[in-house]
Amino acid sequence: MVLQSSLKNCLQLSCIFRTPKAGFRSTTTGGLIIQSISHDVYQNLAVEDWIHDHMNLENRPVLFLWRNSPAVVIGRHQNPWQECNLRLMRQKNIKLARRRSGGGTVYHDLGNINLTFFTTRKKYERMENLKLVVKALKGLRPQLDVHVTDRYDILLDRQYKISGTAAKLGGTAAYHHCTLLCNADKFVLSSVLRSPYRGLKSNATPSVPASVKNLFEEDPSLTCEMLLDAIAEEYAAQHQIDHHISLINPADETMLPGINNKTKELQTWEWVYGRTPKFSISTCFNLVYQDSVLDVKVDMDVKHGRIEVCNIDLPEQWLPPALCSELVKSLTGSKFCPNETTALTTTLPRVCPQDSELHSRWNLLCENMTMLM
């Protein structure tokens, strides 16, 4: 395949090798071990797409190693409002990404390792990949009690999940990726993977909660670099190839033609949020205004990330029905997004009478509406 040859040639010229090897084998067979120099979640997911779409994996399976700066990654068919705390993520500047594989939601940071095993579809075998990871861990630290479950997770001490798994099966190519917790921030992990949103009903794939533990907690001498090298060494041994890791830059178009377009697509609102399966929200919130407390009921249907139906039920003596109707009309068809809702609600008061109390009530209602998102 031309693109495979192009990748090979570019890597020979551009890659920095972590072991003293100068380029790839001249043959077209044997496995390949690649590691990203980027910590950007969108770039690394784009590399997965690129390899899946362009490389001939018939005689050359690939192991891709990568780590991300703080990010939450949801499965292709998941609902981000159901899976994570988007408000907290915005406050902490934690990115949200949607991958092209199924499975559940995971938290990434530099204490978490990501492994992607590429093969042809007919040679796809996730259990063997996970056994390879376990063998590498046992080889590095024989005292570790680690094993693979029937759900394709890796457990530590028979109860703590240290690795989750997901896959994409294409027409001819396939990949299986998994995580490995080395020294991730468990407090942030547990905080951002807890949804605060109430009254949400969805047919999206839900994640299965699990108790997690870092390998570092079991053995503080372990580092991500040690784990990566051990897994790469075991992969090389099982595929009978030289043990060297090729570092690639996921933004290099000469090495990966078209990669930047793939990265941009993964960052779009339409992909990250708009691909969410249809869901509904039926909830109530309290408006505390001066000495009174008002109950407000909200019902919304959201499709492709946009508000399809919106109803707001509140006493007409508190806010004129025309104003409430104007808000509902503006929200209908808009993105289920706090930024867009804020922009809408700041322009709507132009239709409101010049009444400071009405403006205060309006702002309070709009603030609470954005909190739903």
Foldseek 3Di string as FASTA:
>chain_A
DVLQVLLQVVLLVDWDWPDPDRGDDPDPAFEAEAEEPDQDPLLVLLVVVLCQVDPDQARYKYKYKYAHAWEKEAEQAAALLQFWAVVVCVVVVGYYFYHDWGAGMFIGHRQKMKIKIKHWLVPDDLQVLVVLLVVLVCVVPVVWDWDADPQRFIDTPVAATQKDKTKDHDPTMIMIMMMGGAPDDVVVGVHTRDRPFPQKDDPTDYHDDGHHDHVCVVPVVDGPVSSVQSSQVSSCVVRVHDRMYIYDHSVDCSNRPPSVVSSVVRRDCLSRRLSHAKMKGWDWDWQDDDPDIWIKIWIFIAHSQATAAIDIDGDCVQPPPVLVVVLRVQRHGGGLALVRLVVVLVPSCVPPPPDVSNVVSSVSVSVVSSVND
